[in-house]
Amino acid sequence: MHNTSGCSSDAGPRDCQPAVAVLIVEYRHRVAVSALFAAAWVAVNAAADPLPANPAPLNQLNNQSAQALRQMQQPKSLYPPGALQPPSPAQATVRQGLDLQQQTEQRLLQERQRQEFIWRNRKPAAIPGPGIRPGLDAMNQQWQFQLQQQRQLDLFRMQQGWPR
């Protein structure tokens, strides 16, 4: 009676050593080949899936816009240049409400932009058409974000009575 190792059940341990050695070598070979295929599969998939775009430019833009809004809203600049009177308590209260509204609107815009950034980096990468470079989409997105935030800051300046 033969088993799968090629060694009969009535054979002694020494008679089966060459067959076992062959099985071990075959097993190691299969494991090595499987590991090579797995490594190649991982490498191909890693090359096919682009890394997410760098969020640093968006974070920098958000920080710059927040700083610009803070400068607009500083207590020493409660009124545009040329204002002669200090604000009355009622005017100061209105001003604080406007400041809070602007800060909230800015955070909402930045959060919406952050969510769009994340969404675009999670969706499957499409094969770009002829003449389209994937980097241009990221540059266009960053330019759109900057333009949106600049328009918002300009609106805030007008609301506060500042010249553009």
Protein backbone atom coordinates (compact mmCIF):
# COMPACT_ATOMS: atom_id res chain seq x y z
CA MET A 1 0.00 0.00 0.00
CA HIS A 2 1.41 3.32 -1.02
CA ASN A 3 0.67 6.70 0.51
CA THR A 4 1.13 10.07 -1.15
CA SER A 5 4.75 10.32 -0.05
CA GLY A 6 5.71 7.34 -2.20
CA CYS A 7 6.75 5.42 0.86
CA SER A 8 5.01 2.14 1.69
CA SER A 9 3.45 1.65 5.10
CA ASP A 10 5.56 -1.42 5.74
CA ALA A 11 8.83 0.39 4.95
CA GLY A 12 11.10 1.46 7.75
CA PRO A 13 11.87 5.05 8.73
CA ARG A 14 15.20 5.07 6.88
CA ASP A 15 13.56 3.94 3.63
CA CYS A 16 11.20 6.94 3.68
CA GLN A 17 13.78 9.69 4.32
CA PRO A 18 14.46 10.42 0.62
CA ALA A 19 10.73 10.64 -0.13
CA VAL A 20 10.15 12.98 2.81
CA ALA A 21 13.09 15.14 1.75
CA VAL A 22 11.59 15.43 -1.73
CA LEU A 23 8.23 16.45 -0.24
CA ILE A 24 9.90 19.08 1.93
CA VAL A 25 11.77 20.52 -1.05
CA GLU A 26 8.57 20.58 -3.12
CA TYR A 27 6.70 22.28 -0.27
CA ARG A 28 9.43 24.92 0.13
CA HIS A 29 9.42 25.51 -3.62
CA ARG A 30 5.63 25.99 -3.64
CA VAL A 31 5.83 28.39 -0.68
CA ALA A 32 8.61 30.37 -2.35
CA VAL A 33 6.71 30.60 -5.64
CA SER A 34 3.53 31.59 -3.81
CA ALA A 35 5.44 34.27 -1.91
CA LEU A 36 6.88 35.61 -5.17
CA PHE A 37 3.43 35.76 -6.75
CA ALA A 38 2.03 37.49 -3.66
CA ALA A 39 4.86 40.03 -3.69
CA ALA A 40 4.33 40.69 -7.40
CA TRP A 41 0.57 41.10 -6.87
CA VAL A 42 1.14 43.59 -4.04
CA ALA A 43 3.65 45.53 -6.12
CA VAL A 44 1.32 45.73 -9.13
CA ASN A 45 -1.62 46.85 -6.99
CA ALA A 46 0.51 49.41 -5.18
CA ALA A 47 1.66 50.83 -8.49
CA ALA A 48 -1.90 50.91 -9.85
CA ASP A 49 -3.39 52.72 -6.85
CA PRO A 50 -1.96 56.21 -6.63
CA LEU A 51 -1.15 57.50 -3.19
CA PRO A 52 -3.59 60.06 -1.85
CA ALA A 53 -2.73 63.64 -2.66
CA ASN A 54 -0.86 65.61 -0.07
CA PRO A 55 -3.24 67.52 2.25
CA ALA A 56 -0.50 69.95 3.33
CA PRO A 57 -1.36 72.68 0.75
CA LEU A 58 -5.02 72.62 1.83
CA ASN A 59 -4.03 72.82 5.50
CA GLN A 60 -1.70 75.72 4.72
CA LEU A 61 -4.45 77.52 2.79
CA ASN A 62 -6.88 76.98 5.69
CA ASN A 63 -4.35 78.38 8.17
CA GLN A 64 -3.66 81.43 5.99
CA SER A 65 -7.37 82.18 5.56
CA ALA A 66 -8.04 81.77 9.28
CA GLN A 67 -5.15 84.14 10.05
CA ALA A 68 -6.47 86.72 7.57
CA LEU A 69 -9.91 86.56 9.19
CA ARG A 70 -8.42 86.93 12.68
CA GLN A 71 -6.48 89.99 11.55
CA MET A 72 -9.68 91.49 10.14
CA GLN A 73 -11.48 90.84 13.39
CA GLN A 74 -8.82 92.06 15.84
CA PRO A 75 -10.18 94.46 18.48
CA LYS A 76 -7.89 97.27 17.32
CA SER A 77 -9.48 97.03 13.88
CA LEU A 78 -13.12 96.99 14.89
CA TYR A 79 -13.78 99.71 12.38
CA PRO A 80 -12.24 100.30 9.00
CA PRO A 81 -9.40 102.78 8.67
CA GLY A 82 -10.66 106.33 9.08
CA ALA A 83 -13.31 105.56 11.69
CA LEU A 84 -13.13 108.24 14.37
CA GLN A 85 -15.38 106.99 17.15
CA PRO A 86 -15.00 103.97 19.40
CA PRO A 87 -17.86 101.51 19.01
CA SER A 88 -20.91 101.77 21.21
CA PRO A 89 -21.90 98.69 23.23
CA ALA A 90 -24.69 97.92 20.76
CA GLN A 91 -22.31 98.24 17.80
CA ALA A 92 -19.75 96.04 19.56
CA THR A 93 -22.41 93.37 20.14
CA VAL A 94 -23.44 93.45 16.47
CA ARG A 95 -19.80 93.26 15.51
CA GLN A 96 -19.20 90.22 17.73
CA GLY A 97 -22.21 88.47 16.19
CA LEU A 98 -20.89 89.19 12.69
CA ASP A 99 -17.44 87.92 13.69
CA LEU A 100 -18.92 84.69 15.03
CA GLN A 101 -21.02 84.20 11.90
CA GLN A 102 -17.99 84.73 9.66
CA GLN A 103 -15.87 82.30 11.67
CA THR A 104 -18.62 79.68 11.43
CA GLU A 105 -19.00 80.19 7.68
CA GLN A 106 -15.25 79.89 7.22
CA ARG A 107 -15.10 76.64 9.20
CA LEU A 108 -18.03 75.23 7.18
CA LEU A 109 -16.34 76.09 3.87
CA GLN A 110 -13.05 74.59 5.00
CA GLU A 111 -14.76 71.43 6.25
CA ARG A 112 -16.66 71.09 2.96
CA GLN A 113 -13.38 71.48 1.07
CA ARG A 114 -11.69 68.92 3.33
CA GLN A 115 -14.52 66.42 2.72
CA GLU A 116 -14.28 66.98 -1.05
CA PHE A 117 -10.51 66.47 -0.87
CA ILE A 118 -10.98 63.19 1.01
CA TRP A 119 -13.74 62.03 -1.35
CA ARG A 120 -11.64 62.70 -4.45
CA ASN A 121 -8.73 60.74 -3.00
CA ARG A 122 -10.90 57.77 -2.05
CA LYS A 123 -12.74 57.29 -5.33
CA PRO A 124 -11.15 54.80 -7.70
CA ALA A 125 -8.56 56.31 -9.93
CA ALA A 126 -9.94 56.61 -13.43
CA ILE A 127 -7.72 56.07 -16.38
CA PRO A 128 -6.98 59.56 -17.64
CA GLY A 129 -7.87 60.35 -21.20
CA PRO A 130 -5.31 61.33 -23.81
CA GLY A 131 -3.49 64.49 -22.89
CA ILE A 132 -4.84 64.62 -19.32
CA ARG A 133 -2.36 64.39 -16.50
CA PRO A 134 -3.57 63.30 -13.05
CA GLY A 135 -1.51 66.04 -11.38
CA LEU A 136 -3.51 68.72 -13.19
CA ASP A 137 -6.69 67.64 -11.43
CA ALA A 138 -5.05 68.07 -8.03
CA MET A 139 -3.67 71.47 -9.02
CA ASN A 140 -7.08 72.56 -10.31
CA GLN A 141 -8.75 71.40 -7.11
CA GLN A 142 -6.27 73.37 -4.98
CA TRP A 143 -6.78 76.45 -7.16
CA GLN A 144 -10.58 76.13 -6.79
CA PHE A 145 -10.25 75.86 -3.00
CA GLN A 146 -8.04 78.94 -2.91
CA LEU A 147 -10.44 80.89 -5.10
CA GLN A 148 -13.43 79.92 -2.93
CA GLN A 149 -11.65 81.00 0.24
CA GLN A 150 -10.46 84.27 -1.31
CA ARG A 151 -14.02 85.10 -2.43
CA GLN A 152 -15.24 84.37 1.07
CA LEU A 153 -12.59 86.63 2.64
CA ASP A 154 -13.50 89.40 0.19
CA LEU A 155 -17.15 89.04 1.22
CA PHE A 156 -16.14 89.23 4.88
CA ARG A 157 -14.12 92.40 4.21
CA MET A 158 -17.13 94.01 2.54
CA GLN A 159 -19.38 92.96 5.44
CA GLN A 160 -16.96 94.62 7.84
CA GLY A 161 -16.72 97.76 5.74
CA TRP A 162 -13.12 97.22 4.66
CA PRO A 163 -11.95 98.02 1.13
CA ARG A 164 -10.96 95.05 -0.99
